[in-house]
Amino acid sequence: MPTSAQITVGTTATLLVAANIMDQTVQLHNLGGGAVYLGNAGVTTSNGYKLDNADKLQIPVGDNEPLYAITASGTHIVAVLSQIN
């Protein structure tokens, strides 16, 4: 069963997808306000994958691998839909 959430991301690493014992397929939609950067718990604006304002992305997230996001400034909302494979 898929799970969905809208998560407010700020200037500290924010958990988008919790680690799970199974692989997951995750769909992300940056709902606006500016870019967010994706990565592990140590994500920064320098090392993260940039998801621009209004962009969408589908990615696999491996087992026991959480996914985090951060912003350069302010807060932005990211919609997350995840499905265990």
C-alpha atoms as a PDB file:
ATOM      1  CA  MET A   1       0.000   0.000   0.000  1.00  0.00           C
ATOM      2  CA  PRO A   2       1.515   3.374  -0.956  1.00  0.00           C
ATOM      3  CA  THR A   3       1.960   6.079   1.645  1.00  0.00           C
ATOM      4  CA  SER A   4       1.820   9.799   0.965  1.00  0.00           C
ATOM      5  CA  ALA A   5       2.762  12.957   2.796  1.00  0.00           C
ATOM      6  CA  GLN A   6       3.519  16.620   2.260  1.00  0.00           C
ATOM      7  CA  ILE A   7       6.673  17.453   4.191  1.00  0.00           C
ATOM      8  CA  THR A   8       7.995  20.897   5.049  1.00  0.00           C
ATOM      9  CA  VAL A   9      11.733  21.049   4.353  1.00  0.00           C
ATOM     10  CA  GLY A  10      13.981  23.688   5.903  1.00  0.00           C
ATOM     11  CA  THR A  11      17.651  24.536   6.277  1.00  0.00           C
ATOM     12  CA  THR A  12      18.451  21.423   8.319  1.00  0.00           C
ATOM     13  CA  ALA A  13      18.286  17.909   6.879  1.00  0.00           C
ATOM     14  CA  THR A  14      14.644  16.785   6.948  1.00  0.00           C
ATOM     15  CA  LEU A  15      13.600  13.133   6.632  1.00  0.00           C
ATOM     16  CA  LEU A  16      11.459  12.508   3.535  1.00  0.00           C
ATOM     17  CA  VAL A  17      11.492   8.698   3.426  1.00  0.00           C
ATOM     18  CA  ALA A  18      12.317   6.519   6.431  1.00  0.00           C
ATOM     19  CA  ALA A  19      14.569   3.487   6.073  1.00  0.00           C
ATOM     20  CA  ASN A  20      12.658   0.283   5.507  1.00  0.00           C
ATOM     21  CA  ILE A  21      13.656  -3.379   5.365  1.00  0.00           C
ATOM     22  CA  MET A  22      12.391  -3.459   1.764  1.00  0.00           C
ATOM     23  CA  ASP A  23      13.280  -1.474  -1.358  1.00  0.00           C
ATOM     24  CA  GLN A  24      10.905   1.397  -2.122  1.00  0.00           C
ATOM     25  CA  THR A  25       9.897   3.365  -5.191  1.00  0.00           C
ATOM     26  CA  VAL A  26       9.464   7.016  -4.282  1.00  0.00           C
ATOM     27  CA  GLN A  27       7.832   9.811  -6.237  1.00  0.00           C
ATOM     28  CA  LEU A  28       8.717  13.359  -5.196  1.00  0.00           C
ATOM     29  CA  HIS A  29       7.118  16.645  -6.231  1.00  0.00           C
ATOM     30  CA  ASN A  30       8.657  19.928  -5.114  1.00  0.00           C
ATOM     31  CA  LEU A  31       5.485  21.957  -4.586  1.00  0.00           C
ATOM     32  CA  GLY A  32       7.211  25.294  -4.790  1.00  0.00           C
ATOM     33  CA  GLY A  33       9.088  28.027  -3.059  1.00  0.00           C
ATOM     34  CA  GLY A  34      12.523  27.132  -4.392  1.00  0.00           C
ATOM     35  CA  ALA A  35      14.942  24.264  -4.884  1.00  0.00           C
ATOM     36  CA  VAL A  36      15.431  21.423  -2.431  1.00  0.00           C
ATOM     37  CA  TYR A  37      18.489  19.182  -2.295  1.00  0.00           C
ATOM     38  CA  LEU A  38      18.186  15.405  -1.792  1.00  0.00           C
ATOM     39  CA  GLY A  39      20.589  12.976  -0.163  1.00  0.00           C
ATOM     40  CA  ASN A  40      21.465  11.117   3.010  1.00  0.00           C
ATOM     41  CA  ALA A  41      21.409  12.486   6.572  1.00  0.00           C
ATOM     42  CA  GLY A  42      24.471  14.604   5.770  1.00  0.00           C
ATOM     43  CA  VAL A  43      22.879  16.304   2.757  1.00  0.00           C
ATOM     44  CA  THR A  44      23.848  19.925   2.071  1.00  0.00           C
ATOM     45  CA  THR A  45      23.169  22.364  -0.737  1.00  0.00           C
ATOM     46  CA  SER A  46      26.680  21.564  -1.991  1.00  0.00           C
ATOM     47  CA  ASN A  47      26.437  17.766  -2.127  1.00  0.00           C
ATOM     48  CA  GLY A  48      22.706  17.105  -2.618  1.00  0.00           C
ATOM     49  CA  TYR A  49      20.785  16.344  -5.800  1.00  0.00           C
ATOM     50  CA  LYS A  50      18.973  19.550  -6.767  1.00  0.00           C
ATOM     51  CA  LEU A  51      15.210  19.259  -7.269  1.00  0.00           C
ATOM     52  CA  ASP A  52      14.094  22.599  -8.701  1.00  0.00           C
ATOM     53  CA  ASN A  53      10.862  24.408  -7.918  1.00  0.00           C
ATOM     54  CA  ALA A  54       7.861  22.409  -9.255  1.00  0.00           C
ATOM     55  CA  ASP A  55      10.054  19.501 -10.450  1.00  0.00           C
ATOM     56  CA  LYS A  56       8.972  15.878 -10.102  1.00  0.00           C
ATOM     57  CA  LEU A  57      11.204  12.842  -9.683  1.00  0.00           C
ATOM     58  CA  GLN A  58      10.724   9.088  -9.311  1.00  0.00           C
ATOM     59  CA  ILE A  59      13.610   7.211  -7.694  1.00  0.00           C
ATOM     60  CA  PRO A  60      14.285   3.836  -6.115  1.00  0.00           C
ATOM     61  CA  VAL A  61      15.297   3.953  -2.446  1.00  0.00           C
ATOM     62  CA  GLY A  62      17.200   0.889  -1.286  1.00  0.00           C
ATOM     63  CA  ASP A  63      16.461  -1.108   1.822  1.00  0.00           C
ATOM     64  CA  ASN A  64      17.699   0.505   5.039  1.00  0.00           C
ATOM     65  CA  GLU A  65      18.422   3.765   3.182  1.00  0.00           C
ATOM     66  CA  PRO A  66      16.528   6.862   4.325  1.00  0.00           C
ATOM     67  CA  LEU A  67      16.123   9.904   2.071  1.00  0.00           C
ATOM     68  CA  TYR A  68      16.575  13.473   3.335  1.00  0.00           C
ATOM     69  CA  ALA A  69      16.177  16.959   1.875  1.00  0.00           C
ATOM     70  CA  ILE A  70      17.390  20.457   2.726  1.00  0.00           C
ATOM     71  CA  THR A  71      16.851  24.004   1.405  1.00  0.00           C
ATOM     72  CA  ALA A  72      19.286  26.867   0.958  1.00  0.00           C
ATOM     73  CA  SER A  73      16.917  29.208   2.826  1.00  0.00           C
ATOM     74  CA  GLY A  74      13.364  29.304   4.082  1.00  0.00           C
ATOM     75  CA  THR A  75      11.012  26.346   3.939  1.00  0.00           C
ATOM     76  CA  HIS A  76       9.511  24.492   0.987  1.00  0.00           C
ATOM     77  CA  ILE A  77       6.980  21.662   0.767  1.00  0.00           C
ATOM     78  CA  VAL A  78       7.752  18.353  -0.903  1.00  0.00           C
ATOM     79  CA  ALA A  79       4.997  15.849  -1.700  1.00  0.00           C
ATOM     80  CA  VAL A  80       6.150  12.248  -1.214  1.00  0.00           C
ATOM     81  CA  LEU A  81       4.488   9.073  -2.445  1.00  0.00           C
ATOM     82  CA  SER A  82       6.283   5.837  -1.559  1.00  0.00           C
ATOM     83  CA  GLN A  83       5.532   2.233  -2.404  1.00  0.00           C
ATOM     84  CA  ILE A  84       7.342  -0.807  -1.013  1.00  0.00           C
ATOM     85  CA  ASN A  85       8.506  -3.014  -3.887  1.00  0.00           C
END
